[in-house]
Amino acid sequence: MLRAAPRDRSRAILQFGILRLPAAWGRAGTVLCKKEGDGGSPRATMRLLGGYFRGDRIRNLVTALPMVRTKAGMLWCDAPQHAAYNRPVSAPFAASHERLMRDDTLYDICLVMDWNISSRRRGGGSAIFFHLARPGYTPTEGCVAVRREDMLRLIRHFRRGTRIRIL
C-alpha cells in the first residue's frame, strides 16, 4: 500500500507488512481519473504482471515474478492513437515510446503494473511501472519508485498478481 508522505504530494510512503519505506510517485501526486501525460499516479489497486531487468547491472535477482532481461531496442508504446498503445514494442518504432534499456538506472528493475493493460482505454495512461527511484526521490511521470536496496528486499516477496494499492 502507498499513501502520501506529509507535506509533499510527489512523495509517498510504501507499507509492505511491517516495512515502511520512502517512495516517489507522480509529480501531480495521485489522480482519480488518470490521463496520458498528466503526471499523476492512478489512485487504484493494480496487480503486478511481471517485469524487466538490466542483466548487465542486476545479478542474481530473486523473485517469483516473470522477468525479462532488457535488450537494446525494447520499447514501450505511449502513443494513445497507436494500435500498440501501452504495450511493449520493438525498435525501430516511429510513434512515441519509452526505452526500457535506459542510460540511467531507473529501469534496472522495472515492474509492470496492470494499469490500463488488461482493460485498455486510449489516453488512459501508459507505462505505469514500479521502478527504481532517482536520488532524492524526485517525482516520476506517474510510476511508483523506490531505492534499489528496497526494491531488492521487496521483489523477493512479489509474484504475478501481487497487488499494489495507491491511496
N, C-alpha and C. Protein backbone atom coordinates (compact mmCIF):
# COMPACT_ATOMS: atom_id res chain seq x y z
N MET A 1 0.84 -1.17 0.00
CA MET A 1 0.00 0.00 0.00
C MET A 1 0.89 1.24 0.00
N LEU A 2 0.48 2.24 -0.75
CA LEU A 2 1.19 3.51 -0.78
C LEU A 2 0.24 4.62 -0.38
N ARG A 3 0.74 5.53 0.42
CA ARG A 3 -0.03 6.70 0.81
C ARG A 3 0.88 7.92 0.72
N ALA A 4 0.29 9.07 0.69
CA ALA A 4 1.05 10.31 0.55
C ALA A 4 1.94 10.54 1.76
N ALA A 5 3.13 11.05 1.48
CA ALA A 5 4.03 11.48 2.56
C ALA A 5 3.58 12.87 3.01
N PRO A 6 3.82 13.21 4.25
CA PRO A 6 3.42 14.54 4.73
C PRO A 6 4.12 15.66 3.96
N ARG A 7 3.39 16.69 3.60
CA ARG A 7 3.89 17.94 3.03
C ARG A 7 4.54 17.85 1.64
N ASP A 8 4.40 16.74 0.93
CA ASP A 8 4.98 16.67 -0.42
C ASP A 8 4.15 15.71 -1.26
N ARG A 9 3.32 16.23 -2.15
CA ARG A 9 2.40 15.38 -2.89
C ARG A 9 3.06 14.46 -3.90
N SER A 10 4.35 14.67 -4.17
CA SER A 10 5.04 13.77 -5.10
C SER A 10 5.85 12.70 -4.38
N ARG A 11 5.75 12.67 -3.06
CA ARG A 11 6.44 11.64 -2.28
C ARG A 11 5.41 10.74 -1.61
N ALA A 12 5.81 9.50 -1.40
CA ALA A 12 4.89 8.52 -0.83
C ALA A 12 5.59 7.71 0.24
N ILE A 13 4.80 6.99 1.01
CA ILE A 13 5.29 6.00 1.96
C ILE A 13 4.70 4.68 1.54
N LEU A 14 5.55 3.72 1.28
CA LEU A 14 5.12 2.38 0.89
C LEU A 14 5.12 1.50 2.12
N GLN A 15 4.01 0.86 2.38
CA GLN A 15 3.94 -0.08 3.50
C GLN A 15 3.77 -1.48 2.95
N PHE A 16 4.66 -2.37 3.37
CA PHE A 16 4.60 -3.78 2.97
C PHE A 16 4.85 -4.59 4.24
N GLY A 17 3.81 -5.20 4.78
CA GLY A 17 3.94 -5.87 6.07
C GLY A 17 4.30 -4.83 7.11
N ILE A 18 5.36 -5.10 7.86
CA ILE A 18 5.78 -4.14 8.88
C ILE A 18 6.74 -3.08 8.34
N LEU A 19 7.19 -3.25 7.11
CA LEU A 19 8.10 -2.28 6.50
C LEU A 19 7.37 -1.02 6.09
N ARG A 20 7.99 0.11 6.33
CA ARG A 20 7.53 1.40 5.82
C ARG A 20 8.73 2.03 5.14
N LEU A 21 8.58 2.26 3.82
CA LEU A 21 9.71 2.71 3.02
C LEU A 21 9.35 3.99 2.26
N PRO A 22 10.32 4.88 2.09
CA PRO A 22 10.06 6.08 1.29
C PRO A 22 9.94 5.69 -0.19
N ALA A 23 9.11 6.42 -0.92
CA ALA A 23 8.92 6.17 -2.34
C ALA A 23 8.60 7.49 -3.04
N ALA A 24 8.76 7.47 -4.35
CA ALA A 24 8.34 8.59 -5.19
C ALA A 24 7.16 8.13 -6.02
N TRP A 25 6.31 9.06 -6.39
CA TRP A 25 5.26 8.77 -7.36
C TRP A 25 5.08 10.01 -8.20
N GLY A 26 4.00 10.11 -8.94
CA GLY A 26 3.83 11.17 -9.93
C GLY A 26 3.99 12.58 -9.40
N ARG A 27 4.50 13.45 -10.26
CA ARG A 27 4.73 14.86 -9.88
C ARG A 27 3.43 15.56 -9.51
N ALA A 28 2.29 15.04 -10.00
CA ALA A 28 0.98 15.61 -9.66
C ALA A 28 0.33 14.88 -8.49
N GLY A 29 1.08 14.02 -7.82
CA GLY A 29 0.50 13.24 -6.72
C GLY A 29 -0.37 12.13 -7.29
N THR A 30 -1.48 11.84 -6.62
CA THR A 30 -2.38 10.80 -7.11
C THR A 30 -3.57 11.45 -7.81
N VAL A 31 -4.11 10.72 -8.78
CA VAL A 31 -5.26 11.23 -9.54
C VAL A 31 -6.32 10.14 -9.61
N LEU A 32 -7.58 10.55 -9.56
CA LEU A 32 -8.69 9.61 -9.66
C LEU A 32 -8.98 9.22 -11.11
N CYS A 33 -8.83 10.17 -12.01
CA CYS A 33 -9.13 9.92 -13.42
C CYS A 33 -7.85 10.12 -14.23
N LYS A 34 -7.04 9.08 -14.31
CA LYS A 34 -5.73 9.15 -14.96
C LYS A 34 -5.87 9.42 -16.46
N LYS A 35 -5.03 10.36 -16.95
CA LYS A 35 -4.97 10.68 -18.37
C LYS A 35 -3.50 10.68 -18.80
N GLU A 36 -3.25 10.30 -20.03
CA GLU A 36 -1.90 10.28 -20.56
C GLU A 36 -1.24 11.64 -20.38
N GLY A 37 -0.05 11.65 -19.77
CA GLY A 37 0.74 12.87 -19.64
C GLY A 37 0.38 13.78 -18.49
N ASP A 38 -0.57 13.39 -17.61
CA ASP A 38 -0.99 14.29 -16.53
C ASP A 38 -0.02 14.30 -15.34
N GLY A 39 0.95 13.39 -15.33
CA GLY A 39 1.94 13.37 -14.26
C GLY A 39 1.43 12.80 -12.95
N GLY A 40 0.25 12.23 -12.96
CA GLY A 40 -0.31 11.67 -11.74
C GLY A 40 -0.18 10.16 -11.68
N SER A 41 -0.12 9.65 -10.47
CA SER A 41 -0.17 8.20 -10.24
C SER A 41 -1.62 7.83 -10.01
N PRO A 42 -2.11 6.81 -10.69
CA PRO A 42 -3.53 6.47 -10.54
C PRO A 42 -3.86 5.96 -9.15
N ARG A 43 -4.90 6.52 -8.56
CA ARG A 43 -5.39 6.05 -7.27
C ARG A 43 -6.18 4.77 -7.55
N ALA A 44 -5.54 3.63 -7.30
CA ALA A 44 -6.13 2.35 -7.69
C ALA A 44 -5.36 1.21 -7.04
N THR A 45 -5.91 0.02 -7.19
CA THR A 45 -5.21 -1.19 -6.82
C THR A 45 -4.83 -1.89 -8.12
N MET A 46 -3.53 -2.14 -8.30
CA MET A 46 -3.03 -2.73 -9.54
C MET A 46 -2.25 -4.00 -9.25
N ARG A 47 -2.48 -5.02 -10.08
CA ARG A 47 -1.73 -6.26 -9.96
C ARG A 47 -0.37 -6.13 -10.65
N LEU A 48 0.63 -6.78 -10.09
CA LEU A 48 1.92 -6.87 -10.77
C LEU A 48 1.82 -7.98 -11.81
N LEU A 49 2.25 -7.69 -13.03
CA LEU A 49 2.17 -8.65 -14.12
C LEU A 49 3.50 -9.35 -14.39
N GLY A 50 4.59 -8.69 -14.11
CA GLY A 50 5.94 -9.19 -14.41
C GLY A 50 6.85 -7.99 -14.53
N GLY A 51 7.97 -8.16 -15.19
CA GLY A 51 8.85 -7.02 -15.30
C GLY A 51 10.06 -7.25 -16.17
N TYR A 52 10.94 -6.26 -16.11
CA TYR A 52 12.17 -6.22 -16.89
C TYR A 52 13.33 -5.92 -15.95
N PHE A 53 14.52 -6.38 -16.33
CA PHE A 53 15.70 -6.06 -15.54
C PHE A 53 16.92 -5.96 -16.44
N ARG A 54 17.88 -5.15 -16.02
CA ARG A 54 19.14 -4.99 -16.74
C ARG A 54 20.11 -6.06 -16.23
N GLY A 55 20.25 -7.12 -16.99
CA GLY A 55 21.13 -8.22 -16.60
C GLY A 55 22.59 -7.83 -16.49
N ASP A 56 22.98 -6.77 -17.18
CA ASP A 56 24.36 -6.30 -17.08
C ASP A 56 24.60 -5.50 -15.81
N ARG A 57 23.52 -5.12 -15.11
CA ARG A 57 23.65 -4.34 -13.87
C ARG A 57 23.07 -5.06 -12.66
N ILE A 58 22.14 -5.97 -12.87
CA ILE A 58 21.49 -6.68 -11.77
C ILE A 58 21.83 -8.16 -11.91
N ARG A 59 22.44 -8.71 -10.91
CA ARG A 59 22.81 -10.13 -10.93
C ARG A 59 22.03 -10.86 -9.83
N ASN A 60 21.74 -12.11 -10.05
CA ASN A 60 21.09 -12.97 -9.05
C ASN A 60 19.80 -12.38 -8.50
N LEU A 61 18.93 -11.94 -9.37
CA LEU A 61 17.64 -11.39 -8.96
C LEU A 61 16.75 -12.53 -8.48
N VAL A 62 16.26 -12.42 -7.25
CA VAL A 62 15.42 -13.46 -6.66
C VAL A 62 13.98 -12.96 -6.60
N THR A 63 13.10 -13.59 -7.40
CA THR A 63 11.69 -13.23 -7.41
C THR A 63 10.89 -14.32 -8.09
N ALA A 64 9.62 -14.42 -7.73
CA ALA A 64 8.70 -15.34 -8.40
C ALA A 64 7.99 -14.66 -9.56
N LEU A 65 8.23 -13.36 -9.75
CA LEU A 65 7.64 -12.65 -10.88
C LEU A 65 8.28 -13.09 -12.19
N PRO A 66 7.49 -13.18 -13.26
CA PRO A 66 8.11 -13.43 -14.56
C PRO A 66 8.89 -12.19 -15.00
N MET A 67 10.18 -12.34 -15.21
CA MET A 67 11.06 -11.22 -15.54
C MET A 67 11.76 -11.48 -16.87
N VAL A 68 11.94 -10.41 -17.64
CA VAL A 68 12.61 -10.47 -18.93
C VAL A 68 13.84 -9.58 -18.87
N ARG A 69 14.96 -10.10 -19.34
CA ARG A 69 16.19 -9.30 -19.40
C ARG A 69 16.06 -8.30 -20.54
N THR A 70 16.26 -7.00 -20.24
CA THR A 70 16.13 -5.98 -21.28
C THR A 70 17.29 -6.04 -22.25
N LYS A 71 16.94 -5.68 -23.48
CA LYS A 71 17.92 -5.61 -24.56
C LYS A 71 17.71 -4.29 -25.29
N ALA A 72 18.73 -3.85 -25.99
CA ALA A 72 18.59 -2.64 -26.81
C ALA A 72 17.44 -2.87 -27.78
N GLY A 73 16.66 -1.86 -28.00
CA GLY A 73 15.56 -1.97 -28.94
C GLY A 73 14.23 -2.35 -28.32
N MET A 74 14.23 -2.65 -27.01
CA MET A 74 12.96 -2.94 -26.32
C MET A 74 12.36 -1.61 -25.89
N LEU A 75 11.11 -1.39 -26.29
CA LEU A 75 10.42 -0.13 -26.06
C LEU A 75 9.03 -0.39 -25.48
N TRP A 76 8.39 0.69 -25.01
CA TRP A 76 7.01 0.62 -24.54
C TRP A 76 6.25 1.77 -25.19
N CYS A 77 5.20 1.47 -25.94
CA CYS A 77 4.44 2.49 -26.68
C CYS A 77 3.59 3.33 -25.73
N ASP A 78 3.75 4.66 -25.81
CA ASP A 78 2.91 5.57 -25.02
C ASP A 78 2.15 6.56 -25.90
N ALA A 79 1.93 6.17 -27.17
CA ALA A 79 1.19 6.99 -28.12
C ALA A 79 -0.28 6.55 -28.12
N PRO A 80 -1.19 7.34 -27.53
CA PRO A 80 -2.59 6.92 -27.37
C PRO A 80 -3.29 6.50 -28.66
N GLN A 81 -2.94 7.09 -29.79
CA GLN A 81 -3.63 6.77 -31.04
C GLN A 81 -3.06 5.55 -31.77
N HIS A 82 -1.96 5.01 -31.26
CA HIS A 82 -1.34 3.85 -31.92
C HIS A 82 -2.00 2.55 -31.45
N ALA A 83 -2.08 1.57 -32.34
CA ALA A 83 -2.69 0.27 -32.01
C ALA A 83 -1.95 -0.45 -30.90
N ALA A 84 -0.65 -0.17 -30.73
CA ALA A 84 0.15 -0.83 -29.69
C ALA A 84 0.22 -0.01 -28.40
N TYR A 85 -0.68 0.98 -28.25
CA TYR A 85 -0.67 1.83 -27.05
C TYR A 85 -0.61 1.00 -25.77
N ASN A 86 0.30 1.40 -24.89
CA ASN A 86 0.51 0.78 -23.59
C ASN A 86 0.86 -0.70 -23.70
N ARG A 87 1.73 -0.99 -24.67
CA ARG A 87 2.21 -2.35 -24.90
C ARG A 87 3.70 -2.30 -25.20
N PRO A 88 4.41 -3.41 -24.95
CA PRO A 88 5.81 -3.46 -25.37
C PRO A 88 5.90 -3.53 -26.89
N VAL A 89 6.88 -2.83 -27.44
CA VAL A 89 7.14 -2.82 -28.88
C VAL A 89 8.66 -2.89 -29.08
N SER A 90 9.06 -3.05 -30.33
CA SER A 90 10.49 -3.14 -30.65
C SER A 90 10.91 -2.03 -31.60
N ALA A 91 12.16 -1.61 -31.48
CA ALA A 91 12.73 -0.62 -32.40
C ALA A 91 13.02 -1.31 -33.73
N PRO A 92 12.95 -0.62 -34.83
CA PRO A 92 12.56 0.79 -34.94
C PRO A 92 11.06 0.97 -34.77
N PHE A 93 10.68 2.06 -34.12
CA PHE A 93 9.27 2.34 -33.84
C PHE A 93 9.10 3.84 -33.86
N ALA A 94 8.31 4.35 -34.79
CA ALA A 94 8.21 5.78 -35.01
C ALA A 94 7.33 6.51 -34.00
N ALA A 95 6.29 5.84 -33.49
CA ALA A 95 5.38 6.51 -32.55
C ALA A 95 6.07 6.74 -31.21
N SER A 96 5.48 7.59 -30.38
CA SER A 96 6.04 7.92 -29.08
C SER A 96 6.20 6.66 -28.22
N HIS A 97 7.33 6.60 -27.49
CA HIS A 97 7.62 5.40 -26.69
C HIS A 97 8.62 5.69 -25.59
N GLU A 98 8.73 4.75 -24.66
CA GLU A 98 9.75 4.74 -23.60
C GLU A 98 10.77 3.67 -23.97
N ARG A 99 12.04 3.97 -23.79
CA ARG A 99 13.08 2.94 -23.95
C ARG A 99 13.17 2.16 -22.65
N LEU A 100 13.14 0.83 -22.71
CA LEU A 100 13.24 0.02 -21.50
C LEU A 100 14.69 -0.15 -21.05
N MET A 101 15.64 -0.05 -21.97
CA MET A 101 17.06 -0.12 -21.61
C MET A 101 17.59 1.31 -21.59
N ARG A 102 17.48 1.93 -20.43
CA ARG A 102 17.83 3.34 -20.28
C ARG A 102 19.29 3.51 -19.89
N ASP A 103 19.80 4.72 -20.14
CA ASP A 103 21.17 5.04 -19.73
C ASP A 103 21.27 5.25 -18.23
N ASP A 104 20.19 5.79 -17.62
CA ASP A 104 20.20 5.95 -16.17
C ASP A 104 19.82 4.61 -15.53
N THR A 105 19.58 4.59 -14.24
CA THR A 105 19.31 3.33 -13.53
C THR A 105 17.84 3.08 -13.23
N LEU A 106 16.95 3.97 -13.66
CA LEU A 106 15.54 3.88 -13.27
C LEU A 106 14.90 2.54 -13.61
N TYR A 107 15.19 2.00 -14.78
CA TYR A 107 14.58 0.75 -15.21
C TYR A 107 15.52 -0.44 -15.08
N ASP A 108 16.54 -0.32 -14.22
CA ASP A 108 17.39 -1.51 -13.97
C ASP A 108 16.52 -2.65 -13.46
N ILE A 109 15.51 -2.30 -12.67
CA ILE A 109 14.41 -3.22 -12.32
C ILE A 109 13.14 -2.43 -12.57
N CYS A 110 12.29 -2.94 -13.43
CA CYS A 110 11.09 -2.24 -13.85
C CYS A 110 9.93 -3.22 -13.86
N LEU A 111 9.02 -3.08 -12.92
CA LEU A 111 7.88 -3.99 -12.81
C LEU A 111 6.66 -3.37 -13.47
N VAL A 112 5.93 -4.17 -14.22
CA VAL A 112 4.76 -3.70 -14.94
C VAL A 112 3.53 -3.91 -14.06
N MET A 113 2.85 -2.80 -13.77
CA MET A 113 1.59 -2.88 -13.02
C MET A 113 0.43 -2.87 -14.01
N ASP A 114 -0.63 -3.57 -13.68
CA ASP A 114 -1.77 -3.70 -14.59
C ASP A 114 -2.63 -2.44 -14.55
N TRP A 115 -2.05 -1.37 -15.06
CA TRP A 115 -2.82 -0.14 -15.24
C TRP A 115 -3.07 0.03 -16.73
N ASN A 116 -4.33 -0.01 -17.11
CA ASN A 116 -4.73 0.23 -18.50
C ASN A 116 -4.12 -0.81 -19.46
N ILE A 117 -3.90 -2.02 -18.97
CA ILE A 117 -3.35 -3.07 -19.82
C ILE A 117 -4.41 -4.13 -20.09
N SER A 118 -4.92 -4.79 -19.04
CA SER A 118 -5.94 -5.83 -19.24
C SER A 118 -7.20 -5.26 -19.86
N SER A 119 -7.56 -4.08 -19.44
CA SER A 119 -8.71 -3.38 -20.00
C SER A 119 -8.20 -2.00 -20.42
N ARG A 120 -7.87 -1.87 -21.71
CA ARG A 120 -7.18 -0.68 -22.20
C ARG A 120 -8.14 0.39 -22.68
N ARG A 121 -7.82 1.63 -22.29
CA ARG A 121 -8.58 2.80 -22.72
C ARG A 121 -7.59 3.81 -23.30
N ARG A 122 -7.79 4.17 -24.56
CA ARG A 122 -6.89 5.13 -25.22
C ARG A 122 -6.81 6.43 -24.42
N GLY A 123 -5.59 6.86 -24.15
CA GLY A 123 -5.38 8.09 -23.40
C GLY A 123 -5.53 7.94 -21.90
N GLY A 124 -5.75 6.71 -21.43
CA GLY A 124 -5.96 6.47 -20.00
C GLY A 124 -4.70 6.30 -19.19
N GLY A 125 -3.56 6.54 -19.79
CA GLY A 125 -2.28 6.43 -19.08
C GLY A 125 -1.54 5.17 -19.48
N SER A 126 -0.24 5.32 -19.67
CA SER A 126 0.58 4.19 -20.10
C SER A 126 1.87 4.14 -19.31
N ALA A 127 2.52 2.99 -19.38
CA ALA A 127 3.83 2.78 -18.77
C ALA A 127 3.81 3.14 -17.27
N ILE A 128 2.79 2.68 -16.56
CA ILE A 128 2.74 2.89 -15.12
C ILE A 128 3.50 1.72 -14.50
N PHE A 129 4.75 1.99 -14.19
CA PHE A 129 5.68 0.97 -13.71
C PHE A 129 6.00 1.17 -12.23
N PHE A 130 6.58 0.14 -11.64
CA PHE A 130 7.15 0.19 -10.29
C PHE A 130 8.64 0.00 -10.54
N HIS A 131 9.41 1.06 -10.40
CA HIS A 131 10.82 1.01 -10.78
C HIS A 131 11.71 1.65 -9.72
N LEU A 132 12.97 1.85 -10.06
CA LEU A 132 13.94 2.40 -9.11
C LEU A 132 13.86 3.92 -9.10
N ALA A 133 14.08 4.48 -7.92
CA ALA A 133 13.96 5.92 -7.71
C ALA A 133 15.25 6.65 -8.07
N ARG A 134 15.06 7.91 -8.44
CA ARG A 134 16.20 8.81 -8.62
C ARG A 134 16.69 9.23 -7.23
N PRO A 135 17.92 9.70 -7.13
CA PRO A 135 18.38 10.24 -5.84
C PRO A 135 17.45 11.36 -5.38
N GLY A 136 17.13 11.36 -4.11
CA GLY A 136 16.25 12.37 -3.55
C GLY A 136 14.78 12.11 -3.81
N TYR A 137 14.46 10.95 -4.39
CA TYR A 137 13.07 10.58 -4.67
C TYR A 137 12.34 11.67 -5.45
N THR A 138 12.99 12.17 -6.49
CA THR A 138 12.31 13.17 -7.32
C THR A 138 11.10 12.51 -7.99
N PRO A 139 10.10 13.32 -8.34
CA PRO A 139 8.84 12.76 -8.86
C PRO A 139 9.01 11.97 -10.15
N THR A 140 8.06 11.07 -10.37
CA THR A 140 8.00 10.29 -11.60
C THR A 140 6.94 10.91 -12.52
N GLU A 141 6.70 10.28 -13.65
CA GLU A 141 5.65 10.72 -14.57
C GLU A 141 4.31 10.08 -14.21
N GLY A 142 4.29 9.26 -13.16
CA GLY A 142 3.07 8.58 -12.72
C GLY A 142 3.35 7.21 -12.16
N CYS A 143 4.60 6.78 -12.28
CA CYS A 143 5.02 5.47 -11.75
C CYS A 143 5.24 5.55 -10.24
N VAL A 144 5.56 4.41 -9.66
CA VAL A 144 5.99 4.31 -8.27
C VAL A 144 7.47 3.94 -8.30
N ALA A 145 8.28 4.56 -7.46
CA ALA A 145 9.72 4.30 -7.47
C ALA A 145 10.28 4.21 -6.05
N VAL A 146 11.17 3.24 -5.84
CA VAL A 146 11.83 3.05 -4.55
C VAL A 146 13.34 2.88 -4.78
N ARG A 147 14.10 3.00 -3.69
CA ARG A 147 15.56 2.77 -3.77
C ARG A 147 15.84 1.36 -4.25
N ARG A 148 16.96 1.18 -4.90
CA ARG A 148 17.38 -0.13 -5.38
C ARG A 148 17.39 -1.16 -4.25
N GLU A 149 17.96 -0.80 -3.11
CA GLU A 149 18.06 -1.72 -1.98
C GLU A 149 16.67 -2.15 -1.50
N ASP A 150 15.74 -1.20 -1.49
CA ASP A 150 14.37 -1.53 -1.06
C ASP A 150 13.68 -2.42 -2.08
N MET A 151 13.88 -2.14 -3.36
CA MET A 151 13.29 -3.00 -4.40
C MET A 151 13.81 -4.43 -4.27
N LEU A 152 15.09 -4.58 -4.04
CA LEU A 152 15.66 -5.93 -3.90
C LEU A 152 15.09 -6.66 -2.68
N ARG A 153 14.77 -5.94 -1.63
CA ARG A 153 14.11 -6.55 -0.46
C ARG A 153 12.68 -6.95 -0.78
N LEU A 154 11.95 -6.06 -1.46
CA LEU A 154 10.54 -6.29 -1.74
C LEU A 154 10.31 -7.37 -2.80
N ILE A 155 11.09 -7.34 -3.86
CA ILE A 155 10.83 -8.19 -5.03
C ILE A 155 10.90 -9.69 -4.68
N ARG A 156 11.62 -10.02 -3.63
CA ARG A 156 11.68 -11.42 -3.18
C ARG A 156 10.30 -11.96 -2.79
N HIS A 157 9.41 -11.04 -2.38
CA HIS A 157 8.08 -11.43 -1.90
C HIS A 157 7.01 -11.27 -2.97
N PHE A 158 7.35 -10.67 -4.10
CA PHE A 158 6.37 -10.43 -5.15
C PHE A 158 6.20 -11.63 -6.06
N ARG A 159 4.99 -11.80 -6.55
CA ARG A 159 4.69 -12.80 -7.57
C ARG A 159 3.63 -12.21 -8.47
N ARG A 160 3.40 -12.86 -9.58
CA ARG A 160 2.37 -12.37 -10.51
C ARG A 160 1.05 -12.29 -9.74
N GLY A 161 0.42 -11.12 -9.82
CA GLY A 161 -0.85 -10.91 -9.13
C GLY A 161 -0.73 -10.17 -7.81
N THR A 162 0.50 -10.02 -7.28
CA THR A 162 0.66 -9.21 -6.08
C THR A 162 0.03 -7.85 -6.34
N ARG A 163 -0.72 -7.35 -5.39
CA ARG A 163 -1.45 -6.09 -5.58
C ARG A 163 -0.71 -4.91 -4.96
N ILE A 164 -0.63 -3.86 -5.74
CA ILE A 164 -0.05 -2.59 -5.28
C ILE A 164 -1.23 -1.62 -5.19
N ARG A 165 -1.47 -1.10 -4.01
CA ARG A 165 -2.62 -0.21 -3.78
C ARG A 165 -2.11 1.20 -3.53
N ILE A 166 -2.58 2.12 -4.36
CA ILE A 166 -2.23 3.53 -4.21
C ILE A 166 -3.46 4.26 -3.66
N LEU A 167 -3.30 4.86 -2.49
CA LEU A 167 -4.41 5.60 -1.86
C LEU A 167 -4.35 7.08 -2.21
